[in-house]
Amino acid sequence: MSASIDPGLQQARQAVLDAHSAAETAHDLDGVIATFHHPRYEIVPTGEVFDGEEAVRHYHGANFAGVPDFTVEPIAAYHGEDGVAEEAWVSGTHLGTYNGLPPTGRFLRIRVCGIFVFEEDRLVCERVYYDLLTVLRTLGVARDPDSVAGQATMLLNHPLHLGRTFGRELLRRRRSAP
C-alpha cells in the first residue's frame, strides 16, 4: 500500500487493531466497543450491516453465544492511507444457535480479511470478507457443488430451474446442429 503513511499514525492504528482482536478473543464487548470511534461492522458475504453500539453488541453477543470459544489470530496487516487490511484466522466450535442454525458441534477455522476503515487514528468500520460456502460446508449444512452429493442436493433442491436450464441447452444444441 502507500509508503507515505506517517509511522506514528500507522503505529496508533496497529495498536487499535491489536486491542480490537484481543477484545474479540476475550469476548470483551466493552473492549470491542472501546476500539471504535463509531461501532460498525459490514459482513460482506451475508450483506449484514451492524451500525451503532447496540447493533454491534448484539452481533458479537450472538457470535460468542453460538461459538463460545471464538478466537481471532491476526496473520498480517497491510496499512493504507484510509485504513488497514488485516488477514486473520477465526476459529471456534459451533456449540450454540447461530443465525438460526442449531449447534452442530463442529470446529471451524477460516481465513478472513478485515478491512478496518479509519478516520485518522479512529476506527469507524470493520468490513469483513470470508468464504461463506467454506463456513457452511465445515458446519455440515452445505455440500461442495462439484461433489456427487452436492450435485444430487442441487438437483433435489432446484428441479425446475435445472430442468429449464437443461431444456434450453437441448434447444440451443438442436438449433445449432447442421
Foldseek 3Di string as FASTA:
>chain_A
DDPPDDPVLVVLQVVLVVQLQVCLQVVPLVSNCVSAPWDWEQEPVVRDIQGGSVSVNVQSVLVCQQFVRWHWAWDDWDDDDFWIKTKIKIKGFGCDQHPNRGGLRFIDIFIKIWTFGHDRSHTHYIYIDTDVQSVCVRSPNADDCPDPVNVVVCCVVPVVVVVVVVVVVVVVVVVPDD
